[in-house]
Amino acid sequence: GGSLRLSCAASGIIFSVYNMGWYRQGP
């Protein structure tokens, strides 16, 4: 029931031209 906010800081790319995403892998 709780909440979290994840962040992803990018460097070395022109960030604005990239499609981005969050993936996950559970046990």
mmCIF file of all heavy atoms, coordinates in Angstrom:
data_MODEL
# 
_entry.id   MODEL 
# 
loop_
_atom_site.group_PDB 
_atom_site.id 
_atom_site.type_symbol 
_atom_site.label_atom_id 
_atom_site.label_alt_id 
_atom_site.label_comp_id 
_atom_site.label_asym_id 
_atom_site.label_entity_id 
_atom_site.label_seq_id 
_atom_site.pdbx_PDB_ins_code 
_atom_site.Cartn_x 
_atom_site.Cartn_y 
_atom_site.Cartn_z 
_atom_site.occupancy 
_atom_site.B_iso_or_equiv 
_atom_site.pdbx_formal_charge 
_atom_site.auth_seq_id 
_atom_site.auth_comp_id 
_atom_site.auth_asym_id 
_atom_site.auth_atom_id 
_atom_site.pdbx_PDB_model_num 
ATOM 1   N N   . GLY A 1 1  ? 0.784  -1.218  0.000   1.00 0.00 ? 1  GLY A N   1 
ATOM 2   C CA  . GLY A 1 1  ? 0.000  0.000   0.000   1.00 0.00 ? 1  GLY A CA  1 
ATOM 3   C C   . GLY A 1 1  ? 0.816  1.268   0.000   1.00 0.00 ? 1  GLY A C   1 
ATOM 4   O O   . GLY A 1 1  ? 0.256  2.354   -0.200  1.00 0.00 ? 1  GLY A O   1 
ATOM 5   N N   . GLY A 1 2  ? 2.115  1.150   0.191   1.00 0.00 ? 2  GLY A N   1 
ATOM 6   C CA  . GLY A 1 2  ? 2.985  2.309   0.219   1.00 0.00 ? 2  GLY A CA  1 
ATOM 7   C C   . GLY A 1 2  ? 3.367  2.789   -1.159  1.00 0.00 ? 2  GLY A C   1 
ATOM 8   O O   . GLY A 1 2  ? 2.953  2.235   -2.180  1.00 0.00 ? 2  GLY A O   1 
ATOM 9   N N   . SER A 1 3  ? 4.191  3.831   -1.184  1.00 0.00 ? 3  SER A N   1 
ATOM 10  C CA  . SER A 1 3  ? 4.604  4.472   -2.424  1.00 0.00 ? 3  SER A CA  1 
ATOM 11  C C   . SER A 1 3  ? 6.106  4.680   -2.455  1.00 0.00 ? 3  SER A C   1 
ATOM 12  O O   . SER A 1 3  ? 6.756  4.828   -1.412  1.00 0.00 ? 3  SER A O   1 
ATOM 13  C CB  . SER A 1 3  ? 3.921  5.835   -2.583  1.00 0.00 ? 3  SER A CB  1 
ATOM 14  O OG  . SER A 1 3  ? 2.515  5.710   -2.682  1.00 0.00 ? 3  SER A OG  1 
ATOM 15  N N   . LEU A 1 4  ? 6.647  4.702   -3.657  1.00 0.00 ? 4  LEU A N   1 
ATOM 16  C CA  . LEU A 1 4  ? 8.037  5.037   -3.903  1.00 0.00 ? 4  LEU A CA  1 
ATOM 17  C C   . LEU A 1 4  ? 8.133  5.823   -5.193  1.00 0.00 ? 4  LEU A C   1 
ATOM 18  O O   . LEU A 1 4  ? 7.293  5.665   -6.086  1.00 0.00 ? 4  LEU A O   1 
ATOM 19  C CB  . LEU A 1 4  ? 8.911  3.783   -4.029  1.00 0.00 ? 4  LEU A CB  1 
ATOM 20  C CG  . LEU A 1 4  ? 9.190  2.954   -2.791  1.00 0.00 ? 4  LEU A CG  1 
ATOM 21  C CD1 . LEU A 1 4  ? 9.905  1.658   -3.193  1.00 0.00 ? 4  LEU A CD1 1 
ATOM 22  C CD2 . LEU A 1 4  ? 10.040 3.729   -1.795  1.00 0.00 ? 4  LEU A CD2 1 
ATOM 23  N N   . ARG A 1 5  ? 9.166  6.642   -5.301  1.00 0.00 ? 5  ARG A N   1 
ATOM 24  C CA  . ARG A 1 5  ? 9.492  7.291   -6.557  1.00 0.00 ? 5  ARG A CA  1 
ATOM 25  C C   . ARG A 1 5  ? 10.919 6.944   -6.937  1.00 0.00 ? 5  ARG A C   1 
ATOM 26  O O   . ARG A 1 5  ? 11.861 7.263   -6.210  1.00 0.00 ? 5  ARG A O   1 
ATOM 27  C CB  . ARG A 1 5  ? 9.338  8.809   -6.499  1.00 0.00 ? 5  ARG A CB  1 
ATOM 28  C CG  . ARG A 1 5  ? 9.453  9.446   -7.887  1.00 0.00 ? 5  ARG A CG  1 
ATOM 29  C CD  . ARG A 1 5  ? 9.187  10.932  -7.889  1.00 0.00 ? 5  ARG A CD  1 
ATOM 30  N NE  . ARG A 1 5  ? 10.376 11.703  -7.564  1.00 0.00 ? 5  ARG A NE  1 
ATOM 31  C CZ  . ARG A 1 5  ? 10.593 12.949  -7.975  1.00 0.00 ? 5  ARG A CZ  1 
ATOM 32  N NH1 . ARG A 1 5  ? 9.676  13.564  -8.724  1.00 0.00 ? 5  ARG A NH1 1 
ATOM 33  N NH2 . ARG A 1 5  ? 11.690 13.583  -7.618  1.00 0.00 ? 5  ARG A NH2 1 
ATOM 34  N N   . LEU A 1 6  ? 11.064 6.294   -8.081  1.00 0.00 ? 6  LEU A N   1 
ATOM 35  C CA  . LEU A 1 6  ? 12.366 5.953   -8.617  1.00 0.00 ? 6  LEU A CA  1 
ATOM 36  C C   . LEU A 1 6  ? 12.839 7.051   -9.562  1.00 0.00 ? 6  LEU A C   1 
ATOM 37  O O   . LEU A 1 6  ? 12.039 7.672   -10.259 1.00 0.00 ? 6  LEU A O   1 
ATOM 38  C CB  . LEU A 1 6  ? 12.320 4.632   -9.377  1.00 0.00 ? 6  LEU A CB  1 
ATOM 39  C CG  . LEU A 1 6  ? 11.745 3.422   -8.636  1.00 0.00 ? 6  LEU A CG  1 
ATOM 40  C CD1 . LEU A 1 6  ? 11.853 2.182   -9.517  1.00 0.00 ? 6  LEU A CD1 1 
ATOM 41  C CD2 . LEU A 1 6  ? 12.434 3.211   -7.299  1.00 0.00 ? 6  LEU A CD2 1 
ATOM 42  N N   . SER A 1 7  ? 14.149 7.258   -9.584  1.00 0.00 ? 7  SER A N   1 
ATOM 43  C CA  . SER A 1 7  ? 14.758 8.220   -10.488 1.00 0.00 ? 7  SER A CA  1 
ATOM 44  C C   . SER A 1 7  ? 15.846 7.543   -11.299 1.00 0.00 ? 7  SER A C   1 
ATOM 45  O O   . SER A 1 7  ? 16.510 6.621   -10.826 1.00 0.00 ? 7  SER A O   1 
ATOM 46  C CB  . SER A 1 7  ? 15.369 9.394   -9.715  1.00 0.00 ? 7  SER A CB  1 
ATOM 47  O OG  . SER A 1 7  ? 14.387 10.105  -8.992  1.00 0.00 ? 7  SER A OG  1 
ATOM 48  N N   . CYS A 1 8  ? 16.032 8.008   -12.517 1.00 0.00 ? 8  CYS A N   1 
ATOM 49  C CA  . CYS A 1 8  ? 17.099 7.548   -13.392 1.00 0.00 ? 8  CYS A CA  1 
ATOM 50  C C   . CYS A 1 8  ? 17.789 8.770   -13.965 1.00 0.00 ? 8  CYS A C   1 
ATOM 51  O O   . CYS A 1 8  ? 17.179 9.523   -14.741 1.00 0.00 ? 8  CYS A O   1 
ATOM 52  C CB  . CYS A 1 8  ? 16.554 6.670   -14.510 1.00 0.00 ? 8  CYS A CB  1 
ATOM 53  S SG  . CYS A 1 8  ? 17.763 6.279   -15.801 1.00 0.00 ? 8  CYS A SG  1 
ATOM 54  N N   . ALA A 1 9  ? 19.041 8.972   -13.578 1.00 0.00 ? 9  ALA A N   1 
ATOM 55  C CA  . ALA A 1 9  ? 19.839 10.083  -14.073 1.00 0.00 ? 9  ALA A CA  1 
ATOM 56  C C   . ALA A 1 9  ? 20.736 9.593   -15.193 1.00 0.00 ? 9  ALA A C   1 
ATOM 57  O O   . ALA A 1 9  ? 21.511 8.654   -15.017 1.00 0.00 ? 9  ALA A O   1 
ATOM 58  C CB  . ALA A 1 9  ? 20.669 10.681  -12.945 1.00 0.00 ? 9  ALA A CB  1 
ATOM 59  N N   . ALA A 1 10 ? 20.639 10.230  -16.349 1.00 0.00 ? 10 ALA A N   1 
ATOM 60  C CA  . ALA A 1 10 ? 21.373 9.813   -17.536 1.00 0.00 ? 10 ALA A CA  1 
ATOM 61  C C   . ALA A 1 10 ? 22.482 10.794  -17.859 1.00 0.00 ? 10 ALA A C   1 
ATOM 62  O O   . ALA A 1 10 ? 22.345 12.004  -17.684 1.00 0.00 ? 10 ALA A O   1 
ATOM 63  C CB  . ALA A 1 10 ? 20.430 9.694   -18.727 1.00 0.00 ? 10 ALA A CB  1 
ATOM 64  N N   . SER A 1 11 ? 23.583 10.251  -18.362 1.00 0.00 ? 11 SER A N   1 
ATOM 65  C CA  . SER A 1 11 ? 24.675 11.062  -18.873 1.00 0.00 ? 11 SER A CA  1 
ATOM 66  C C   . SER A 1 11 ? 25.298 10.342  -20.065 1.00 0.00 ? 11 SER A C   1 
ATOM 67  O O   . SER A 1 11 ? 25.146 9.131   -20.223 1.00 0.00 ? 11 SER A O   1 
ATOM 68  C CB  . SER A 1 11 ? 25.727 11.348  -17.795 1.00 0.00 ? 11 SER A CB  1 
ATOM 69  O OG  . SER A 1 11 ? 26.294 10.137  -17.312 1.00 0.00 ? 11 SER A OG  1 
ATOM 70  N N   . GLY A 1 12 ? 25.991 11.087  -20.906 1.00 0.00 ? 12 GLY A N   1 
ATOM 71  C CA  . GLY A 1 12 ? 26.651 10.501  -22.056 1.00 0.00 ? 12 GLY A CA  1 
ATOM 72  C C   . GLY A 1 12 ? 25.764 10.273  -23.261 1.00 0.00 ? 12 GLY A C   1 
ATOM 73  O O   . GLY A 1 12 ? 26.224 9.697   -24.256 1.00 0.00 ? 12 GLY A O   1 
ATOM 74  N N   . ILE A 1 13 ? 24.514 10.681  -23.191 1.00 0.00 ? 13 ILE A N   1 
ATOM 75  C CA  . ILE A 1 13 ? 23.594 10.603  -24.312 1.00 0.00 ? 13 ILE A CA  1 
ATOM 76  C C   . ILE A 1 13 ? 22.858 11.922  -24.448 1.00 0.00 ? 13 ILE A C   1 
ATOM 77  O O   . ILE A 1 13 ? 22.773 12.693  -23.481 1.00 0.00 ? 13 ILE A O   1 
ATOM 78  C CB  . ILE A 1 13 ? 22.576 9.451   -24.179 1.00 0.00 ? 13 ILE A CB  1 
ATOM 79  C CG1 . ILE A 1 13 ? 21.719 9.625   -22.923 1.00 0.00 ? 13 ILE A CG1 1 
ATOM 80  C CG2 . ILE A 1 13 ? 23.268 8.098   -24.182 1.00 0.00 ? 13 ILE A CG2 1 
ATOM 81  C CD1 . ILE A 1 13 ? 20.554 8.657   -22.835 1.00 0.00 ? 13 ILE A CD1 1 
ATOM 82  N N   . ILE A 1 14 ? 22.352 12.160  -25.644 1.00 0.00 ? 14 ILE A N   1 
ATOM 83  C CA  . ILE A 1 14 ? 21.443 13.286  -25.827 1.00 0.00 ? 14 ILE A CA  1 
ATOM 84  C C   . ILE A 1 14 ? 20.079 12.794  -25.367 1.00 0.00 ? 14 ILE A C   1 
ATOM 85  O O   . ILE A 1 14 ? 19.314 12.199  -26.116 1.00 0.00 ? 14 ILE A O   1 
ATOM 86  C CB  . ILE A 1 14 ? 21.429 13.758  -27.282 1.00 0.00 ? 14 ILE A CB  1 
ATOM 87  C CG1 . ILE A 1 14 ? 22.845 14.098  -27.750 1.00 0.00 ? 14 ILE A CG1 1 
ATOM 88  C CG2 . ILE A 1 14 ? 20.511 14.976  -27.437 1.00 0.00 ? 14 ILE A CG2 1 
ATOM 89  C CD1 . ILE A 1 14 ? 22.944 14.452  -29.218 1.00 0.00 ? 14 ILE A CD1 1 
ATOM 90  N N   . PHE A 1 15 ? 19.797 13.049  -24.116 1.00 0.00 ? 15 PHE A N   1 
ATOM 91  C CA  . PHE A 1 15 ? 18.675 12.422  -23.423 1.00 0.00 ? 15 PHE A CA  1 
ATOM 92  C C   . PHE A 1 15 ? 17.351 12.646  -24.140 1.00 0.00 ? 15 PHE A C   1 
ATOM 93  O O   . PHE A 1 15 ? 16.522 11.735  -24.248 1.00 0.00 ? 15 PHE A O   1 
ATOM 94  C CB  . PHE A 1 15 ? 18.616 12.956  -21.988 1.00 0.00 ? 15 PHE A CB  1 
ATOM 95  C CG  . PHE A 1 15 ? 17.535 12.368  -21.143 1.00 0.00 ? 15 PHE A CG  1 
ATOM 96  C CD1 . PHE A 1 15 ? 17.687 11.118  -20.574 1.00 0.00 ? 15 PHE A CD1 1 
ATOM 97  C CD2 . PHE A 1 15 ? 16.359 13.067  -20.905 1.00 0.00 ? 15 PHE A CD2 1 
ATOM 98  C CE1 . PHE A 1 15 ? 16.695 10.569  -19.780 1.00 0.00 ? 15 PHE A CE1 1 
ATOM 99  C CE2 . PHE A 1 15 ? 15.360 12.534  -20.120 1.00 0.00 ? 15 PHE A CE2 1 
ATOM 100 C CZ  . PHE A 1 15 ? 15.528 11.286  -19.555 1.00 0.00 ? 15 PHE A CZ  1 
ATOM 101 N N   . SER A 1 16 ? 17.148 13.846  -24.637 1.00 0.00 ? 16 SER A N   1 
ATOM 102 C CA  . SER A 1 16 ? 15.848 14.220  -25.181 1.00 0.00 ? 16 SER A CA  1 
ATOM 103 C C   . SER A 1 16 ? 15.457 13.443  -26.435 1.00 0.00 ? 16 SER A C   1 
ATOM 104 O O   . SER A 1 16 ? 14.272 13.406  -26.780 1.00 0.00 ? 16 SER A O   1 
ATOM 105 C CB  . SER A 1 16 ? 15.802 15.721  -25.476 1.00 0.00 ? 16 SER A CB  1 
ATOM 106 O OG  . SER A 1 16 ? 16.767 16.074  -26.444 1.00 0.00 ? 16 SER A OG  1 
ATOM 107 N N   . VAL A 1 17 ? 16.408 12.814  -27.122 1.00 0.00 ? 17 VAL A N   1 
ATOM 108 C CA  . VAL A 1 17 ? 16.098 12.103  -28.363 1.00 0.00 ? 17 VAL A CA  1 
ATOM 109 C C   . VAL A 1 17 ? 15.840 10.614  -28.127 1.00 0.00 ? 17 VAL A C   1 
ATOM 110 O O   . VAL A 1 17 ? 15.520 9.896   -29.078 1.00 0.00 ? 17 VAL A O   1 
ATOM 111 C CB  . VAL A 1 17 ? 17.211 12.270  -29.413 1.00 0.00 ? 17 VAL A CB  1 
ATOM 112 C CG1 . VAL A 1 17 ? 17.553 13.738  -29.601 1.00 0.00 ? 17 VAL A CG1 1 
ATOM 113 C CG2 . VAL A 1 17 ? 18.448 11.470  -29.049 1.00 0.00 ? 17 VAL A CG2 1 
ATOM 114 N N   . TYR A 1 18 ? 15.959 10.146  -26.901 1.00 0.00 ? 18 TYR A N   1 
ATOM 115 C CA  . TYR A 1 18 ? 15.811 8.728   -26.612 1.00 0.00 ? 18 TYR A CA  1 
ATOM 116 C C   . TYR A 1 18 ? 14.446 8.390   -26.030 1.00 0.00 ? 18 TYR A C   1 
ATOM 117 O O   . TYR A 1 18 ? 13.951 9.081   -25.128 1.00 0.00 ? 18 TYR A O   1 
ATOM 118 C CB  . TYR A 1 18 ? 16.876 8.265   -25.616 1.00 0.00 ? 18 TYR A CB  1 
ATOM 119 C CG  . TYR A 1 18 ? 18.200 7.951   -26.255 1.00 0.00 ? 18 TYR A CG  1 
ATOM 120 C CD1 . TYR A 1 18 ? 19.113 8.954   -26.531 1.00 0.00 ? 18 TYR A CD1 1 
ATOM 121 C CD2 . TYR A 1 18 ? 18.526 6.640   -26.586 1.00 0.00 ? 18 TYR A CD2 1 
ATOM 122 C CE1 . TYR A 1 18 ? 20.329 8.661   -27.129 1.00 0.00 ? 18 TYR A CE1 1 
ATOM 123 C CE2 . TYR A 1 18 ? 19.745 6.342   -27.173 1.00 0.00 ? 18 TYR A CE2 1 
ATOM 124 C CZ  . TYR A 1 18 ? 20.643 7.350   -27.439 1.00 0.00 ? 18 TYR A CZ  1 
ATOM 125 O OH  . TYR A 1 18 ? 21.855 7.055   -28.021 1.00 0.00 ? 18 TYR A OH  1 
ATOM 126 N N   . ASN A 1 19 ? 13.859 7.312   -26.535 1.00 0.00 ? 19 ASN A N   1 
ATOM 127 C CA  . ASN A 1 19 ? 12.773 6.674   -25.809 1.00 0.00 ? 19 ASN A CA  1 
ATOM 128 C C   . ASN A 1 19 ? 13.358 6.038   -24.549 1.00 0.00 ? 19 ASN A C   1 
ATOM 129 O O   . ASN A 1 19 ? 14.455 5.479   -24.574 1.00 0.00 ? 19 ASN A O   1 
ATOM 130 C CB  . ASN A 1 19 ? 12.102 5.600   -26.650 1.00 0.00 ? 19 ASN A CB  1 
ATOM 131 C CG  . ASN A 1 19 ? 11.432 6.166   -27.876 1.00 0.00 ? 19 ASN A CG  1 
ATOM 132 O OD1 . ASN A 1 19 ? 11.014 7.317   -27.906 1.00 0.00 ? 19 ASN A OD1 1 
ATOM 133 N ND2 . ASN A 1 19 ? 11.298 5.338   -28.910 1.00 0.00 ? 19 ASN A ND2 1 
ATOM 134 N N   . MET A 1 20 ? 12.619 6.119   -23.454 1.00 0.00 ? 20 MET A N   1 
ATOM 135 C CA  . MET A 1 20 ? 13.096 5.645   -22.164 1.00 0.00 ? 20 MET A CA  1 
ATOM 136 C C   . MET A 1 20 ? 12.103 4.662   -21.562 1.00 0.00 ? 20 MET A C   1 
ATOM 137 O O   . MET A 1 20 ? 10.929 4.639   -21.930 1.00 0.00 ? 20 MET A O   1 
ATOM 138 C CB  . MET A 1 20 ? 13.279 6.810   -21.193 1.00 0.00 ? 20 MET A CB  1 
ATOM 139 C CG  . MET A 1 20 ? 14.241 7.890   -21.661 1.00 0.00 ? 20 MET A CG  1 
ATOM 140 S SD  . MET A 1 20 ? 15.966 7.334   -21.677 1.00 0.00 ? 20 MET A SD  1 
ATOM 141 C CE  . MET A 1 20 ? 16.242 7.033   -19.930 1.00 0.00 ? 20 MET A CE  1 
ATOM 142 N N   . GLY A 1 21 ? 12.585 3.868   -20.616 1.00 0.00 ? 21 GLY A N   1 
ATOM 143 C CA  . GLY A 1 21 ? 11.687 2.935   -19.969 1.00 0.00 ? 21 GLY A CA  1 
ATOM 144 C C   . GLY A 1 21 ? 12.226 2.394   -18.665 1.00 0.00 ? 21 GLY A C   1 
ATOM 145 O O   . GLY A 1 21 ? 13.429 2.463   -18.384 1.00 0.00 ? 21 GLY A O   1 
ATOM 146 N N   . TRP A 1 22 ? 11.306 1.863   -17.873 1.00 0.00 ? 22 TRP A N   1 
ATOM 147 C CA  . TRP A 1 22 ? 11.623 1.135   -16.655 1.00 0.00 ? 22 TRP A CA  1 
ATOM 148 C C   . TRP A 1 22 ? 11.279 -0.337  -16.861 1.00 0.00 ? 22 TRP A C   1 
ATOM 149 O O   . TRP A 1 22 ? 10.156 -0.669  -17.251 1.00 0.00 ? 22 TRP A O   1 
ATOM 150 C CB  . TRP A 1 22 ? 10.841 1.665   -15.461 1.00 0.00 ? 22 TRP A CB  1 
ATOM 151 C CG  . TRP A 1 22 ? 11.280 3.010   -14.995 1.00 0.00 ? 22 TRP A CG  1 
ATOM 152 C CD1 . TRP A 1 22 ? 10.734 4.215   -15.285 1.00 0.00 ? 22 TRP A CD1 1 
ATOM 153 C CD2 . TRP A 1 22 ? 12.379 3.273   -14.113 1.00 0.00 ? 22 TRP A CD2 1 
ATOM 154 N NE1 . TRP A 1 22 ? 11.417 5.223   -14.652 1.00 0.00 ? 22 TRP A NE1 1 
ATOM 155 C CE2 . TRP A 1 22 ? 12.427 4.668   -13.927 1.00 0.00 ? 22 TRP A CE2 1 
ATOM 156 C CE3 . TRP A 1 22 ? 13.319 2.467   -13.466 1.00 0.00 ? 22 TRP A CE3 1 
ATOM 157 C CZ2 . TRP A 1 22 ? 13.387 5.278   -13.115 1.00 0.00 ? 22 TRP A CZ2 1 
ATOM 158 C CZ3 . TRP A 1 22 ? 14.275 3.078   -12.665 1.00 0.00 ? 22 TRP A CZ3 1 
ATOM 159 C CH2 . TRP A 1 22 ? 14.299 4.467   -12.500 1.00 0.00 ? 22 TRP A CH2 1 
ATOM 160 N N   . TYR A 1 23 ? 12.247 -1.189  -16.611 1.00 0.00 ? 23 TYR A N   1 
ATOM 161 C CA  . TYR A 1 23 ? 12.062 -2.632  -16.611 1.00 0.00 ? 23 TYR A CA  1 
ATOM 162 C C   . TYR A 1 23 ? 12.245 -3.151  -15.195 1.00 0.00 ? 23 TYR A C   1 
ATOM 163 O O   . TYR A 1 23 ? 12.853 -2.495  -14.353 1.00 0.00 ? 23 TYR A O   1 
ATOM 164 C CB  . TYR A 1 23 ? 13.077 -3.317  -17.527 1.00 0.00 ? 23 TYR A CB  1 
ATOM 165 C CG  . TYR A 1 23 ? 12.867 -3.099  -19.006 1.00 0.00 ? 23 TYR A CG  1 
ATOM 166 C CD1 . TYR A 1 23 ? 13.145 -1.868  -19.595 1.00 0.00 ? 23 TYR A CD1 1 
ATOM 167 C CD2 . TYR A 1 23 ? 12.418 -4.131  -19.825 1.00 0.00 ? 23 TYR A CD2 1 
ATOM 168 C CE1 . TYR A 1 23 ? 12.967 -1.666  -20.956 1.00 0.00 ? 23 TYR A CE1 1 
ATOM 169 C CE2 . TYR A 1 23 ? 12.245 -3.947  -21.190 1.00 0.00 ? 23 TYR A CE2 1 
ATOM 170 C CZ  . TYR A 1 23 ? 12.524 -2.708  -21.744 1.00 0.00 ? 23 TYR A CZ  1 
ATOM 171 O OH  . TYR A 1 23 ? 12.355 -2.521  -23.100 1.00 0.00 ? 23 TYR A OH  1 
ATOM 172 N N   . ARG A 1 24 ? 11.731 -4.337  -14.948 1.00 0.00 ? 24 ARG A N   1 
ATOM 173 C CA  . ARG A 1 24 ? 11.961 -4.963  -13.655 1.00 0.00 ? 24 ARG A CA  1 
ATOM 174 C C   . ARG A 1 24 ? 12.130 -6.465  -13.813 1.00 0.00 ? 24 ARG A C   1 
ATOM 175 O O   . ARG A 1 24 ? 11.647 -7.063  -14.781 1.00 0.00 ? 24 ARG A O   1 
ATOM 176 C CB  . ARG A 1 24 ? 10.832 -4.666  -12.672 1.00 0.00 ? 24 ARG A CB  1 
ATOM 177 C CG  . ARG A 1 24 ? 9.504  -5.333  -13.015 1.00 0.00 ? 24 ARG A CG  1 
ATOM 178 C CD  . ARG A 1 24 ? 8.414  -4.880  -12.059 1.00 0.00 ? 24 ARG A CD  1 
ATOM 179 N NE  . ARG A 1 24 ? 7.124  -5.470  -12.393 1.00 0.00 ? 24 ARG A NE  1 
ATOM 180 C CZ  . ARG A 1 24 ? 5.974  -5.099  -11.852 1.00 0.00 ? 24 ARG A CZ  1 
ATOM 181 N NH1 . ARG A 1 24 ? 5.946  -4.138  -10.939 1.00 0.00 ? 24 ARG A NH1 1 
ATOM 182 N NH2 . ARG A 1 24 ? 4.845  -5.695  -12.213 1.00 0.00 ? 24 ARG A NH2 1 
ATOM 183 N N   . GLN A 1 25 ? 12.829 -7.046  -12.856 1.00 0.00 ? 25 GLN A N   1 
ATOM 184 C CA  . GLN A 1 25 ? 13.007 -8.488  -12.810 1.00 0.00 ? 25 GLN A CA  1 
ATOM 185 C C   . GLN A 1 25 ? 12.836 -8.947  -11.369 1.00 0.00 ? 25 GLN A C   1 
ATOM 186 O O   . GLN A 1 25 ? 13.652 -8.623  -10.503 1.00 0.00 ? 25 GLN A O   1 
ATOM 187 C CB  . GLN A 1 25 ? 14.374 -8.905  -13.340 1.00 0.00 ? 25 GLN A CB  1 
ATOM 188 C CG  . GLN A 1 25 ? 14.525 -10.413 -13.464 1.00 0.00 ? 25 GLN A CG  1 
ATOM 189 C CD  . GLN A 1 25 ? 15.736 -10.810 -14.278 1.00 0.00 ? 25 GLN A CD  1 
ATOM 190 O OE1 . GLN A 1 25 ? 16.634 -10.012 -14.505 1.00 0.00 ? 25 GLN A OE1 1 
ATOM 191 N NE2 . GLN A 1 25 ? 15.747 -12.050 -14.728 1.00 0.00 ? 25 GLN A NE2 1 
ATOM 192 N N   . GLY A 1 26 ? 11.761 -9.676  -11.116 1.00 0.00 ? 26 GLY A N   1 
ATOM 193 C CA  . GLY A 1 26 ? 11.505 -10.230 -9.808  1.00 0.00 ? 26 GLY A CA  1 
ATOM 194 C C   . GLY A 1 26 ? 12.191 -11.566 -9.635  1.00 0.00 ? 26 GLY A C   1 
ATOM 195 O O   . GLY A 1 26 ? 12.692 -12.156 -10.599 1.00 0.00 ? 26 GLY A O   1 
ATOM 196 N N   . PRO A 1 27 ? 12.222 -12.077 -8.402  1.00 0.00 ? 27 PRO A N   1 
ATOM 197 C CA  . PRO A 1 27 ? 12.873 -13.364 -8.136  1.00 0.00 ? 27 PRO A CA  1 
ATOM 198 C C   . PRO A 1 27 ? 12.274 -14.485 -8.977  1.00 0.00 ? 27 PRO A C   1 
ATOM 199 O O   . PRO A 1 27 ? 11.063 -14.714 -8.946  1.00 0.00 ? 27 PRO A O   1 
ATOM 200 C CB  . PRO A 1 27 ? 12.618 -13.589 -6.648  1.00 0.00 ? 27 PRO A CB  1 
ATOM 201 C CG  . PRO A 1 27 ? 12.355 -12.220 -6.095  1.00 0.00 ? 27 PRO A CG  1 
ATOM 202 C CD  . PRO A 1 27 ? 11.657 -11.479 -7.193  1.00 0.00 ? 27 PRO A CD  1 
# 
